[in-house]
C-alpha atoms as a PDB file:
ATOM      1  CA  MET A   1     -79.660  77.483  34.223  1.00  0.00           C
ATOM      2  CA  LYS A   2     -81.376  80.255  32.262  1.00  0.00           C
ATOM      3  CA  LYS A   3     -77.972  81.693  31.274  1.00  0.00           C
ATOM      4  CA  LEU A   4     -76.897  78.325  29.882  1.00  0.00           C
ATOM      5  CA  LEU A   5     -80.176  77.974  28.005  1.00  0.00           C
ATOM      6  CA  TYR A   6     -79.775  81.489  26.589  1.00  0.00           C
ATOM      7  CA  LEU A   7     -76.202  80.770  25.444  1.00  0.00           C
ATOM      8  CA  PHE A   8     -77.326  77.495  23.851  1.00  0.00           C
ATOM      9  CA  ILE A   9     -80.177  79.174  21.988  1.00  0.00           C
ATOM     10  CA  ALA A  10     -78.014  82.096  20.894  1.00  0.00           C
ATOM     11  CA  SER A  11     -75.368  79.678  19.657  1.00  0.00           C
ATOM     12  CA  THR A  12     -77.988  77.753  17.727  1.00  0.00           C
ATOM     13  CA  ILE A  13     -79.102  80.930  16.019  1.00  0.00           C
ATOM     14  CA  LEU A  14     -75.596  81.876  15.214  1.00  0.00           C
ATOM     15  CA  PHE A  15     -74.878  78.487  13.760  1.00  0.00           C
ATOM     16  CA  SER A  16     -77.591  79.284  11.279  1.00  0.00           C
ATOM     17  CA  CYS A  17     -76.104  82.342   9.620  1.00  0.00           C
ATOM     18  CA  THR A  18     -74.204  82.480   6.345  1.00  0.00           C
ATOM     19  CA  THR A  19     -73.688  84.407   3.131  1.00  0.00           C
ATOM     20  CA  ASN A  20     -75.377  83.946  -0.214  1.00  0.00           C
ATOM     21  CA  ASP A  21     -73.113  82.049  -2.630  1.00  0.00           C
ATOM     22  CA  ASP A  22     -74.284  84.080  -5.629  1.00  0.00           C
ATOM     23  CA  ASP A  23     -74.000  87.586  -4.210  1.00  0.00           C
ATOM     24  CA  ASP A  24     -72.825  88.130  -0.630  1.00  0.00           C
ATOM     25  CA  SER A  25     -73.872  91.785  -0.613  1.00  0.00           C
ATOM     26  CA  SER A  26     -77.523  90.880  -1.200  1.00  0.00           C
ATOM     27  CA  ASP A  27     -77.761  88.453   1.720  1.00  0.00           C
ATOM     28  CA  PRO A  28     -80.204  89.897   4.251  1.00  0.00           C
ATOM     29  CA  ILE A  29     -78.211  88.475   7.195  1.00  0.00           C
ATOM     30  CA  ILE A  30     -75.267  90.836   6.628  1.00  0.00           C
ATOM     31  CA  GLY A  31     -75.171  93.543   9.284  1.00  0.00           C
ATOM     32  CA  ILE A  32     -75.331  94.057  13.024  1.00  0.00           C
ATOM     33  CA  TRP A  33     -78.250  92.496  14.879  1.00  0.00           C
ATOM     34  CA  GLN A  34     -79.385  93.000  18.475  1.00  0.00           C
ATOM     35  CA  LEU A  35     -81.439  90.554  20.508  1.00  0.00           C
ATOM     36  CA  SER A  36     -85.023  91.761  20.646  1.00  0.00           C
ATOM     37  CA  SER A  37     -86.689  88.908  22.504  1.00  0.00           C
ATOM     38  CA  GLU A  38     -86.340  85.302  23.529  1.00  0.00           C
ATOM     39  CA  THR A  39     -89.618  83.532  24.139  1.00  0.00           C
ATOM     40  CA  GLU A  40     -90.423  80.175  25.674  1.00  0.00           C
ATOM     41  CA  ASN A  41     -93.885  78.933  24.751  1.00  0.00           C
ATOM     42  CA  GLY A  42     -94.907  82.505  23.881  1.00  0.00           C
ATOM     43  CA  THR A  43     -93.565  84.200  27.049  1.00  0.00           C
ATOM     44  CA  ASP A  44     -90.582  86.541  26.748  1.00  0.00           C
ATOM     45  CA  ILE A  45     -87.874  85.220  29.085  1.00  0.00           C
ATOM     46  CA  SER A  46     -85.099  87.633  28.075  1.00  0.00           C
ATOM     47  CA  THR A  47     -83.838  90.296  30.447  1.00  0.00           C
ATOM     48  CA  SER A  48     -82.893  93.879  29.607  1.00  0.00           C
ATOM     49  CA  CYS A  49     -79.265  92.818  30.058  1.00  0.00           C
ATOM     50  CA  GLU A  50     -79.593  89.884  27.645  1.00  0.00           C
ATOM     51  CA  ARG A  51     -81.249  92.167  25.078  1.00  0.00           C
ATOM     52  CA  LYS A  52     -77.901  93.987  24.783  1.00  0.00           C
ATOM     53  CA  SER A  53     -76.488  90.907  22.997  1.00  0.00           C
ATOM     54  CA  THR A  54     -75.450  91.443  19.375  1.00  0.00           C
ATOM     55  CA  ILE A  55     -74.416  89.396  16.358  1.00  0.00           C
ATOM     56  CA  THR A  56     -72.437  90.868  13.463  1.00  0.00           C
ATOM     57  CA  PHE A  57     -72.441  89.067  10.111  1.00  0.00           C
ATOM     58  CA  LEU A  58     -69.829  90.221   7.611  1.00  0.00           C
ATOM     59  CA  GLU A  59     -69.786  89.729   3.840  1.00  0.00           C
ATOM     60  CA  ASN A  60     -66.548  87.743   4.113  1.00  0.00           C
ATOM     61  CA  GLY A  61     -68.405  84.914   5.890  1.00  0.00           C
ATOM     62  CA  THR A  62     -67.304  85.693   9.440  1.00  0.00           C
ATOM     63  CA  THR A  63     -69.410  86.573  12.439  1.00  0.00           C
ATOM     64  CA  THR A  64     -68.820  87.955  15.909  1.00  0.00           C
ATOM     65  CA  GLN A  65     -71.259  87.468  18.769  1.00  0.00           C
ATOM     66  CA  ILE A  66     -71.344  89.438  21.994  1.00  0.00           C
ATOM     67  CA  TYR A  67     -73.482  87.710  24.623  1.00  0.00           C
ATOM     68  CA  SER A  68     -74.774  89.796  27.513  1.00  0.00           C
ATOM     69  CA  TYR A  69     -75.954  87.967  30.610  1.00  0.00           C
ATOM     70  CA  GLU A  70     -76.772  88.699  34.213  1.00  0.00           C
ATOM     71  CA  ASP A  71     -73.980  87.801  36.603  1.00  0.00           C
ATOM     72  CA  GLY A  72     -75.358  88.530  40.048  1.00  0.00           C
ATOM     73  CA  ASN A  73     -76.127  92.248  40.058  1.00  0.00           C
ATOM     74  CA  ASN A  74     -73.960  92.903  36.990  1.00  0.00           C
ATOM     75  CA  CYS A  75     -74.567  92.687  33.269  1.00  0.00           C
ATOM     76  CA  SER A  76     -71.535  90.805  31.915  1.00  0.00           C
ATOM     77  CA  THR A  77     -70.496  89.999  28.353  1.00  0.00           C
ATOM     78  CA  GLU A  78     -68.655  87.264  26.509  1.00  0.00           C
ATOM     79  CA  SER A  79     -67.722  87.186  22.850  1.00  0.00           C
ATOM     80  CA  ASP A  80     -67.170  84.505  20.266  1.00  0.00           C
ATOM     81  CA  SER A  81     -66.470  84.371  16.553  1.00  0.00           C
ATOM     82  CA  ALA A  82     -67.286  81.924  13.807  1.00  0.00           C
ATOM     83  CA  THR A  83     -67.739  81.551  10.089  1.00  0.00           C
ATOM     84  CA  TRP A  84     -71.106  81.264   8.418  1.00  0.00           C
ATOM     85  CA  GLU A  85     -72.615  79.989   5.197  1.00  0.00           C
ATOM     86  CA  ASN A  86     -75.942  80.581   3.463  1.00  0.00           C
ATOM     87  CA  LEU A  87     -77.266  77.166   2.410  1.00  0.00           C
ATOM     88  CA  GLY A  88     -80.247  78.655   0.554  1.00  0.00           C
ATOM     89  CA  ASN A  89     -83.974  78.718   1.337  1.00  0.00           C
ATOM     90  CA  SER A  90     -83.295  80.734   4.541  1.00  0.00           C
ATOM     91  CA  ASN A  91     -81.110  77.938   5.943  1.00  0.00           C
ATOM     92  CA  TYR A  92     -77.864  79.132   7.494  1.00  0.00           C
ATOM     93  CA  LYS A  93     -74.966  77.235   9.008  1.00  0.00           C
ATOM     94  CA  LEU A  94     -72.475  78.545  11.545  1.00  0.00           C
ATOM     95  CA  TYR A  95     -69.086  76.959  12.210  1.00  0.00           C
ATOM     96  CA  TYR A  96     -67.092  77.416  15.433  1.00  0.00           C
ATOM     97  CA  GLY A  97     -63.482  76.218  15.466  1.00  0.00           C
ATOM     98  CA  ASP A  98     -63.136  72.763  13.944  1.00  0.00           C
ATOM     99  CA  GLY A  99     -66.763  71.797  14.580  1.00  0.00           C
ATOM    100  CA  ASP A 100     -69.204  70.532  11.997  1.00  0.00           C
ATOM    101  CA  GLY A 101     -71.515  73.470  12.560  1.00  0.00           C
ATOM    102  CA  GLU A 102     -75.244  73.570  13.023  1.00  0.00           C
ATOM    103  CA  THR A 103     -77.958  74.493  10.544  1.00  0.00           C
ATOM    104  CA  SER A 104     -80.996  76.601  11.415  1.00  0.00           C
ATOM    105  CA  LYS A 105     -83.892  78.080   9.479  1.00  0.00           C
ATOM    106  CA  ILE A 106     -84.055  81.868   9.820  1.00  0.00           C
ATOM    107  CA  THR A 107     -87.282  83.734   9.163  1.00  0.00           C
ATOM    108  CA  PHE A 108     -86.829  87.325   7.998  1.00  0.00           C
ATOM    109  CA  SER A 109     -89.605  89.896   8.408  1.00  0.00           C
ATOM    110  CA  GLN A 110     -90.278  93.650   8.410  1.00  0.00           C
ATOM    111  CA  ASN A 111     -88.378  94.252   5.168  1.00  0.00           C
ATOM    112  CA  ASN A 112     -85.431  92.109   6.355  1.00  0.00           C
ATOM    113  CA  THR A 113     -84.889  94.220   9.490  1.00  0.00           C
ATOM    114  CA  VAL A 114     -85.975  91.431  11.871  1.00  0.00           C
ATOM    115  CA  PHE A 115     -85.039  87.760  11.927  1.00  0.00           C
ATOM    116  CA  SER A 116     -86.107  84.927  14.158  1.00  0.00           C
ATOM    117  CA  VAL A 117     -85.184  81.321  14.760  1.00  0.00           C
ATOM    118  CA  THR A 118     -87.550  78.781  16.260  1.00  0.00           C
ATOM    119  CA  ASN A 119     -86.351  75.710  18.158  1.00  0.00           C
ATOM    120  CA  THR A 120     -88.546  73.013  19.650  1.00  0.00           C
ATOM    121  CA  ASP A 121     -87.398  70.702  22.443  1.00  0.00           C
ATOM    122  CA  ASP A 122     -89.193  67.861  24.174  1.00  0.00           C
ATOM    123  CA  TYR A 123     -88.383  67.388  27.842  1.00  0.00           C
ATOM    124  CA  ASN A 124     -90.109  64.833  30.063  1.00  0.00           C
ATOM    125  CA  GLY A 125     -93.085  64.641  27.714  1.00  0.00           C
ATOM    126  CA  THR A 126     -93.509  68.410  27.455  1.00  0.00           C
ATOM    127  CA  THR A 127     -92.787  70.330  24.257  1.00  0.00           C
ATOM    128  CA  TYR A 128     -91.042  73.673  24.634  1.00  0.00           C
ATOM    129  CA  THR A 129     -90.928  76.152  21.752  1.00  0.00           C
ATOM    130  CA  TYR A 130     -88.217  78.804  21.818  1.00  0.00           C
ATOM    131  CA  VAL A 131     -88.226  81.767  19.452  1.00  0.00           C
ATOM    132  CA  ILE A 132     -85.257  84.109  19.399  1.00  0.00           C
ATOM    133  CA  THR A 133     -85.736  87.381  17.556  1.00  0.00           C
ATOM    134  CA  TYR A 134     -83.076  89.902  16.502  1.00  0.00           C
ATOM    135  CA  LYS A 135     -83.485  93.400  15.048  1.00  0.00           C
ATOM    136  CA  LYS A 136     -81.013  94.964  12.652  1.00  0.00           C
ATOM    137  CA  ILE A 137     -79.289  98.002  14.166  1.00  0.00           C
END
């Protein structure tokens, strides 16, 4: 269940990433990013294996994600690719295949070397806040 939640959250983040229409090279999202933490209501729920996950955003508007997850006693990986678009005001959209894509607000910090995405879900009357943070490597 946690693996599915992690993949959903990572996908949501990835759907949020794009290039700047005016000058792709100045977009802070361009580069290689590694998962730093994944918190649920303020508690880090990521594992050391999951923190090996990376996202690469290229100037040409493509991205590659490598998801690391625990598979029994092993740390396994899966990869996926997409295209991304910077919608402005820190809003990014990621497109997989023929899908419509999903937009997310990315917050950059520490001189654009860290970004995070916050998602809030309500389940059975309880609000859950997820924050996924990546560091540029």
